[in-house]
Amino acid sequence: MKIAIITTINGQHQEIQVNGHQTLLEFLRHNLKLKGTVEGCSVGVCGSCTVLIDGKPVSSCLTLASNIEGKQVTTIEGLSQNGDFDPVQQPFSSTKPSSAAFAPPG
């Protein structure tokens, strides 16, 4: 069943249709092609699927897409401003990893 919602994603007003059972992670990756939010553990503990909803961090793998009705969602893609990297994005901007012990999922 499709559900019509109005939301804001990365500063862009959206009038969209989502499946009732679809997670926000699935919607962002498959429908909007925003690939920065990735699935890691699928149980909301690893943090790789974290997005901001109304400024608060949320696991998108545990959130239904229909629950973003009337809310503002910010993904990693939406953090940069005026073409400059956000401090969260900065460590991933170089081609060399900052630590051999850390590898982003995906």
Protein backbone atom coordinates (compact mmCIF):
# COMPACT_ATOMS: atom_id res chain seq x y z
CA MET A 1 0.00 0.00 0.00
CA LYS A 2 1.38 3.41 -1.01
CA ILE A 3 1.18 6.31 1.42
CA ALA A 4 1.42 9.93 0.28
CA ILE A 5 3.57 12.11 2.54
CA ILE A 6 5.00 15.60 2.54
CA THR A 7 8.47 16.02 3.99
CA THR A 8 11.76 17.87 3.58
CA ILE A 9 14.87 15.87 2.67
CA ASN A 10 18.22 17.65 2.62
CA GLY A 11 16.45 20.99 2.41
CA GLN A 12 14.26 19.98 -0.52
CA HIS A 13 10.47 19.95 -0.11
CA GLN A 14 9.16 16.56 -1.22
CA GLU A 15 5.64 15.28 -1.93
CA ILE A 16 6.27 11.57 -2.23
CA GLN A 17 4.66 8.14 -2.15
CA VAL A 18 6.18 5.49 0.10
CA ASN A 19 5.32 1.85 0.70
CA GLY A 20 3.75 1.29 4.10
CA HIS A 21 6.33 -1.36 5.06
CA GLN A 22 9.38 0.42 3.60
CA THR A 23 12.12 1.61 5.93
CA LEU A 24 13.53 5.08 5.59
CA LEU A 25 16.89 3.50 4.70
CA GLU A 26 15.32 1.58 1.80
CA PHE A 27 13.45 4.66 0.60
CA LEU A 28 16.52 6.91 0.68
CA ARG A 29 18.74 4.41 -1.13
CA HIS A 30 16.35 2.86 -3.63
CA ASN A 31 13.81 5.58 -4.36
CA LEU A 32 15.86 8.76 -3.94
CA LYS A 33 19.24 7.22 -4.89
CA LEU A 34 20.93 8.75 -1.82
CA LYS A 35 23.66 6.16 -1.30
CA GLY A 36 25.51 7.83 1.59
CA THR A 37 23.20 6.23 4.16
CA VAL A 38 24.13 2.55 4.25
CA GLU A 39 22.96 -0.61 5.94
CA GLY A 40 25.41 -2.12 8.40
CA CYS A 41 23.95 -4.24 11.18
CA SER A 42 20.20 -3.92 10.37
CA VAL A 43 19.38 -3.61 14.09
CA GLY A 44 20.22 0.05 14.71
CA VAL A 45 23.42 -0.27 16.75
CA CYS A 46 26.30 0.31 14.28
CA GLY A 47 25.36 3.84 13.22
CA SER A 48 26.00 3.47 9.49
CA CYS A 49 22.34 4.20 8.68
CA THR A 50 22.06 7.26 10.92
CA VAL A 51 20.22 10.28 9.56
CA LEU A 52 18.94 13.38 11.31
CA ILE A 53 15.19 13.78 11.68
CA ASP A 54 14.33 17.25 12.92
CA GLY A 55 17.96 17.52 14.03
CA LYS A 56 18.02 14.33 16.11
CA PRO A 57 20.03 11.22 15.11
CA VAL A 58 17.83 8.26 14.13
CA SER A 59 18.57 4.78 12.77
CA SER A 60 16.95 4.81 9.35
CA CYS A 61 16.98 1.00 9.22
CA LEU A 62 14.47 0.96 12.10
CA THR A 63 12.31 3.89 10.97
CA LEU A 64 9.41 3.50 8.58
CA ALA A 65 9.56 5.94 5.68
CA SER A 66 5.95 6.91 6.38
CA ASN A 67 7.05 8.28 9.79
CA ILE A 68 8.85 11.24 8.21
CA GLU A 69 5.57 12.96 7.33
CA GLY A 70 5.96 16.67 8.09
CA LYS A 71 9.55 16.26 9.30
CA GLN A 72 12.96 17.44 8.10
CA VAL A 73 15.41 14.67 7.19
CA THR A 74 19.13 15.30 6.70
CA THR A 75 21.40 12.62 5.26
CA ILE A 76 25.18 12.72 4.91
CA GLU A 77 24.66 14.22 1.45
CA GLY A 78 22.74 17.10 2.99
CA LEU A 79 25.45 18.13 5.45
CA SER A 80 27.68 20.01 3.03
CA GLN A 81 26.94 23.68 2.47
CA ASN A 82 28.06 25.82 -0.46
CA GLY A 83 30.15 22.94 -1.80
CA ASP A 84 32.26 22.71 1.36
CA PHE A 85 32.50 19.50 3.34
CA ASP A 86 30.87 19.35 6.76
CA PRO A 87 33.29 18.36 9.56
CA VAL A 88 31.61 14.93 9.58
CA GLN A 89 32.38 14.47 5.89
CA GLN A 90 35.93 15.84 5.97
CA PRO A 91 37.75 12.63 7.05
CA PHE A 92 36.19 10.77 4.10
CA SER A 93 37.09 13.39 1.50
CA SER A 94 40.64 12.20 0.92
CA THR A 95 41.53 9.05 -0.96
CA LYS A 96 43.68 7.83 1.91
CA PRO A 97 41.96 6.39 4.97
CA SER A 98 42.63 8.25 8.19
CA SER A 99 43.01 5.04 10.18
CA ALA A 100 43.73 1.47 9.15
CA ALA A 101 41.45 0.29 11.96
CA PHE A 102 38.39 2.05 10.57
CA ALA A 103 36.57 1.35 7.35
CA PRO A 104 33.15 2.81 6.60
CA PRO A 105 30.55 0.10 5.87
CA GLY A 106 29.28 -0.39 2.35
